Amino acid sequence: MQEAAPAEKKEEAPKPAAPPKEALGTGVKGNGPGIAGLGNSGDGGGFGGARSGNGGSKWGDFAYRVQSKVASALRNNDRTKKASLKVQVRVWSDPSGHIYRSKLDTSTGDRNLDEAVQNVLNNIQLDGPPPAGMPMPIVMRLTARRP
C-alpha cells in the first residue's frame, strides 16, 4: 500500500502593508505631512468644515485644528468667502501656533485672489503649538465652489 503524498500548501499572496499611523492622507506629495483637503461642505458653496478622526495619528489633532482654522478664516474673509478655487498650499507654523508663512503651489488663476488667500493664511493664530517634531510645511488642498 502506498502512502499519500502530503497535501501541498498553497502560497497566499502577501497582504498589502497597512499605511503608517502617521499618514494624514491627501495623496499630496511634499516636504511636510499631508492633511486632509478642505472640501466643499455640500451646502451650495463656501469652504467645507474640517473633519475629525485622523485615526489617532501622531499629528491628527493638530491637523484637525489647522484645517478648522483655515476653513473658518477663509469663510469669514470678504474676499475669499465666495471664491471659487482649487489650490494646493503649504503653511508653516511657529512654536506658538502662529502661521507665519504660506505658499500657494498652484494658482487660483486670479492674482488678487491668490494674494488674498495667502494674506488670510498668514494671519491665522492656532489654538496651540504644533506637537514636538511636527514636520513643516503642512501641505493641504483648498477647494471651494462659488455659492
C-alpha atoms as a PDB file:
ATOM      1  CA  MET A   1       0.000   0.000   0.000  1.00  0.00           C
ATOM      2  CA  GLN A   2       1.304   3.421  -0.966  1.00  0.00           C
ATOM      3  CA  GLU A   3       1.193   6.367   1.357  1.00  0.00           C
ATOM      4  CA  ALA A   4      -0.495   9.501   0.086  1.00  0.00           C
ATOM      5  CA  ALA A   5       1.787  12.400  -0.560  1.00  0.00           C
ATOM      6  CA  PRO A   6       1.303  15.261   1.905  1.00  0.00           C
ATOM      7  CA  ALA A   7      -1.009  17.953   0.598  1.00  0.00           C
ATOM      8  CA  GLU A   8       0.832  20.884  -0.893  1.00  0.00           C
ATOM      9  CA  LYS A   9       0.322  24.186   0.839  1.00  0.00           C
ATOM     10  CA  LYS A  10      -0.930  26.912  -1.425  1.00  0.00           C
ATOM     11  CA  GLU A  11       1.128  30.014  -1.101  1.00  0.00           C
ATOM     12  CA  GLU A  12      -1.013  33.035  -0.487  1.00  0.00           C
ATOM     13  CA  ALA A  13      -0.192  36.391  -1.994  1.00  0.00           C
ATOM     14  CA  PRO A  14       1.250  38.736   0.599  1.00  0.00           C
ATOM     15  CA  LYS A  15      -1.251  41.168   2.047  1.00  0.00           C
ATOM     16  CA  PRO A  16      -0.577  44.832   1.349  1.00  0.00           C
ATOM     17  CA  ALA A  17       1.024  46.637   4.242  1.00  0.00           C
ATOM     18  CA  ALA A  18      -1.224  48.925   6.247  1.00  0.00           C
ATOM     19  CA  PRO A  19      -0.417  52.621   5.876  1.00  0.00           C
ATOM     20  CA  PRO A  20       1.694  54.016   8.682  1.00  0.00           C
ATOM     21  CA  LYS A  21      -0.286  55.590  11.511  1.00  0.00           C
ATOM     22  CA  GLU A  22       1.473  58.910  10.887  1.00  0.00           C
ATOM     23  CA  ALA A  23      -0.068  59.215   7.414  1.00  0.00           C
ATOM     24  CA  LEU A  24      -2.528  62.097   7.384  1.00  0.00           C
ATOM     25  CA  GLY A  25      -3.561  61.346   3.837  1.00  0.00           C
ATOM     26  CA  THR A  26      -4.341  63.613   0.903  1.00  0.00           C
ATOM     27  CA  GLY A  27      -2.012  61.894  -1.501  1.00  0.00           C
ATOM     28  CA  VAL A  28      -0.295  65.244  -1.975  1.00  0.00           C
ATOM     29  CA  LYS A  29       3.447  64.887  -2.164  1.00  0.00           C
ATOM     30  CA  GLY A  30       5.507  67.473  -0.341  1.00  0.00           C
ATOM     31  CA  ASN A  31       8.149  68.125   2.251  1.00  0.00           C
ATOM     32  CA  GLY A  32       5.659  68.273   5.102  1.00  0.00           C
ATOM     33  CA  PRO A  33       2.860  65.987   6.207  1.00  0.00           C
ATOM     34  CA  GLY A  34      -0.297  65.923   4.175  1.00  0.00           C
ATOM     35  CA  ILE A  35      -3.571  66.987   5.723  1.00  0.00           C
ATOM     36  CA  ALA A  36      -6.994  66.058   4.506  1.00  0.00           C
ATOM     37  CA  GLY A  37      -8.047  68.655   1.960  1.00  0.00           C
ATOM     38  CA  LEU A  38     -10.626  71.253   2.730  1.00  0.00           C
ATOM     39  CA  GLY A  39     -13.539  70.352   0.549  1.00  0.00           C
ATOM     40  CA  ASN A  40     -16.953  71.763  -0.139  1.00  0.00           C
ATOM     41  CA  SER A  41     -19.417  71.150   2.674  1.00  0.00           C
ATOM     42  CA  GLY A  42     -22.218  70.336   0.239  1.00  0.00           C
ATOM     43  CA  ASP A  43     -24.223  73.390   1.249  1.00  0.00           C
ATOM     44  CA  GLY A  44     -24.019  75.013  -2.159  1.00  0.00           C
ATOM     45  CA  GLY A  45     -20.709  76.784  -1.734  1.00  0.00           C
ATOM     46  CA  GLY A  46     -18.017  78.032   0.560  1.00  0.00           C
ATOM     47  CA  PHE A  47     -15.274  76.233   2.364  1.00  0.00           C
ATOM     48  CA  GLY A  48     -16.105  72.890   3.920  1.00  0.00           C
ATOM     49  CA  GLY A  49     -15.699  72.287   7.585  1.00  0.00           C
ATOM     50  CA  ALA A  50     -12.893  70.202   8.978  1.00  0.00           C
ATOM     51  CA  ARG A  51     -13.386  66.569   9.732  1.00  0.00           C
ATOM     52  CA  SER A  52     -12.069  64.901  12.841  1.00  0.00           C
ATOM     53  CA  GLY A  53     -10.877  61.352  13.232  1.00  0.00           C
ATOM     54  CA  ASN A  54      -7.432  61.168  11.724  1.00  0.00           C
ATOM     55  CA  GLY A  55      -7.110  57.630  13.022  1.00  0.00           C
ATOM     56  CA  GLY A  56      -5.173  58.548  16.133  1.00  0.00           C
ATOM     57  CA  SER A  57      -2.194  59.649  14.078  1.00  0.00           C
ATOM     58  CA  LYS A  58       0.669  61.371  15.774  1.00  0.00           C
ATOM     59  CA  TRP A  59      -0.327  64.734  14.310  1.00  0.00           C
ATOM     60  CA  GLY A  60      -4.049  64.123  13.753  1.00  0.00           C
ATOM     61  CA  ASP A  61      -5.357  66.537  16.379  1.00  0.00           C
ATOM     62  CA  PHE A  62      -3.097  69.329  15.195  1.00  0.00           C
ATOM     63  CA  ALA A  63      -4.071  68.616  11.575  1.00  0.00           C
ATOM     64  CA  TYR A  64      -7.730  68.907  12.571  1.00  0.00           C
ATOM     65  CA  ARG A  65      -7.115  72.237  14.316  1.00  0.00           C
ATOM     66  CA  VAL A  66      -5.182  73.657  11.356  1.00  0.00           C
ATOM     67  CA  GLN A  67      -7.876  72.519   8.950  1.00  0.00           C
ATOM     68  CA  SER A  68     -10.647  74.026  11.108  1.00  0.00           C
ATOM     69  CA  LYS A  69      -8.900  77.371  11.492  1.00  0.00           C
ATOM     70  CA  VAL A  70      -8.032  77.637   7.795  1.00  0.00           C
ATOM     71  CA  ALA A  71     -11.589  76.815   6.703  1.00  0.00           C
ATOM     72  CA  SER A  72     -13.063  79.274   9.211  1.00  0.00           C
ATOM     73  CA  ALA A  73     -10.658  82.078   8.292  1.00  0.00           C
ATOM     74  CA  LEU A  74     -11.351  81.689   4.566  1.00  0.00           C
ATOM     75  CA  ARG A  75     -15.127  81.537   5.130  1.00  0.00           C
ATOM     76  CA  ASN A  76     -15.001  84.726   7.215  1.00  0.00           C
ATOM     77  CA  ASN A  77     -12.909  86.819   4.833  1.00  0.00           C
ATOM     78  CA  ASP A  78     -14.877  89.083   2.471  1.00  0.00           C
ATOM     79  CA  ARG A  79     -12.541  88.386  -0.457  1.00  0.00           C
ATOM     80  CA  THR A  80     -12.327  84.595  -0.085  1.00  0.00           C
ATOM     81  CA  LYS A  81     -15.701  83.516   1.321  1.00  0.00           C
ATOM     82  CA  LYS A  82     -17.435  83.398  -2.061  1.00  0.00           C
ATOM     83  CA  ALA A  83     -14.404  82.497  -4.138  1.00  0.00           C
ATOM     84  CA  SER A  84     -14.194  79.529  -6.429  1.00  0.00           C
ATOM     85  CA  LEU A  85     -10.814  77.894  -6.139  1.00  0.00           C
ATOM     86  CA  LYS A  86      -8.844  74.693  -6.093  1.00  0.00           C
ATOM     87  CA  VAL A  87      -5.263  75.173  -4.920  1.00  0.00           C
ATOM     88  CA  GLN A  88      -2.529  73.386  -3.055  1.00  0.00           C
ATOM     89  CA  VAL A  89      -0.877  75.380  -0.277  1.00  0.00           C
ATOM     90  CA  ARG A  90       1.954  74.984   2.186  1.00  0.00           C
ATOM     91  CA  VAL A  91       1.849  76.617   5.614  1.00  0.00           C
ATOM     92  CA  TRP A  92       4.456  76.960   8.315  1.00  0.00           C
ATOM     93  CA  SER A  93       3.586  77.374  11.985  1.00  0.00           C
ATOM     94  CA  ASP A  94       5.928  78.770  14.593  1.00  0.00           C
ATOM     95  CA  PRO A  95       6.210  77.164  18.058  1.00  0.00           C
ATOM     96  CA  SER A  96       3.406  79.400  19.384  1.00  0.00           C
ATOM     97  CA  GLY A  97       0.926  78.161  16.748  1.00  0.00           C
ATOM     98  CA  HIS A  98       1.011  81.254  14.529  1.00  0.00           C
ATOM     99  CA  ILE A  99       1.017  80.533  10.803  1.00  0.00           C
ATOM    100  CA  TYR A 100       3.814  82.865   9.790  1.00  0.00           C
ATOM    101  CA  ARG A 101       4.333  81.786   6.201  1.00  0.00           C
ATOM    102  CA  SER A 102       2.277  80.322   3.395  1.00  0.00           C
ATOM    103  CA  LYS A 103       2.896  79.473  -0.226  1.00  0.00           C
ATOM    104  CA  LEU A 104       0.425  78.592  -2.936  1.00  0.00           C
ATOM    105  CA  ASP A 105       1.857  75.748  -5.014  1.00  0.00           C
ATOM    106  CA  THR A 106      -0.801  76.323  -7.631  1.00  0.00           C
ATOM    107  CA  SER A 107      -2.680  79.462  -8.597  1.00  0.00           C
ATOM    108  CA  THR A 108      -6.389  80.161  -8.476  1.00  0.00           C
ATOM    109  CA  GLY A 109      -5.957  81.881 -11.824  1.00  0.00           C
ATOM    110  CA  ASP A 110      -6.582  85.259 -10.189  1.00  0.00           C
ATOM    111  CA  ARG A 111      -3.534  87.036  -8.802  1.00  0.00           C
ATOM    112  CA  ASN A 112      -5.655  89.138  -6.407  1.00  0.00           C
ATOM    113  CA  LEU A 113      -7.401  86.046  -5.035  1.00  0.00           C
ATOM    114  CA  ASP A 114      -4.054  84.261  -4.647  1.00  0.00           C
ATOM    115  CA  GLU A 115      -2.807  87.209  -2.602  1.00  0.00           C
ATOM    116  CA  ALA A 116      -5.997  87.311  -0.518  1.00  0.00           C
ATOM    117  CA  VAL A 117      -5.742  83.580   0.297  1.00  0.00           C
ATOM    118  CA  GLN A 118      -2.102  83.969   1.260  1.00  0.00           C
ATOM    119  CA  ASN A 119      -2.866  87.011   3.457  1.00  0.00           C
ATOM    120  CA  VAL A 120      -5.637  85.122   5.249  1.00  0.00           C
ATOM    121  CA  LEU A 121      -3.367  82.128   5.846  1.00  0.00           C
ATOM    122  CA  ASN A 122      -0.510  84.293   7.140  1.00  0.00           C
ATOM    123  CA  ASN A 123      -2.737  85.807   9.821  1.00  0.00           C
ATOM    124  CA  ILE A 124      -4.037  82.633  11.437  1.00  0.00           C
ATOM    125  CA  GLN A 125      -3.326  82.019  15.104  1.00  0.00           C
ATOM    126  CA  LEU A 126      -3.968  78.397  16.045  1.00  0.00           C
ATOM    127  CA  ASP A 127      -5.308  77.390  19.453  1.00  0.00           C
ATOM    128  CA  GLY A 128      -1.980  75.917  20.453  1.00  0.00           C
ATOM    129  CA  PRO A 129       1.506  74.990  19.343  1.00  0.00           C
ATOM    130  CA  PRO A 130       2.308  72.195  16.921  1.00  0.00           C
ATOM    131  CA  PRO A 131       3.318  68.916  18.546  1.00  0.00           C
ATOM    132  CA  ALA A 132       7.009  68.276  19.045  1.00  0.00           C
ATOM    133  CA  GLY A 133       8.650  67.035  15.873  1.00  0.00           C
ATOM    134  CA  MET A 134       5.831  68.156  13.560  1.00  0.00           C
ATOM    135  CA  PRO A 135       7.391  68.474  10.104  1.00  0.00           C
ATOM    136  CA  MET A 136       6.867  71.760   8.298  1.00  0.00           C
ATOM    137  CA  PRO A 137       5.484  72.843   5.944  1.00  0.00           C
ATOM    138  CA  ILE A 138       1.998  71.421   6.266  1.00  0.00           C
ATOM    139  CA  VAL A 139       0.646  70.690   2.794  1.00  0.00           C
ATOM    140  CA  MET A 140      -3.077  70.871   2.079  1.00  0.00           C
ATOM    141  CA  ARG A 141      -5.548  71.389  -0.720  1.00  0.00           C
ATOM    142  CA  LEU A 142      -8.143  74.120  -0.541  1.00  0.00           C
ATOM    143  CA  THR A 143     -11.245  73.587  -2.627  1.00  0.00           C
ATOM    144  CA  ALA A 144     -14.334  75.765  -2.795  1.00  0.00           C
ATOM    145  CA  ARG A 145     -17.121  76.463  -5.260  1.00  0.00           C
ATOM    146  CA  ARG A 146     -18.981  79.693  -5.647  1.00  0.00           C
ATOM    147  CA  PRO A 147     -22.405  79.566  -3.986  1.00  0.00           C
END
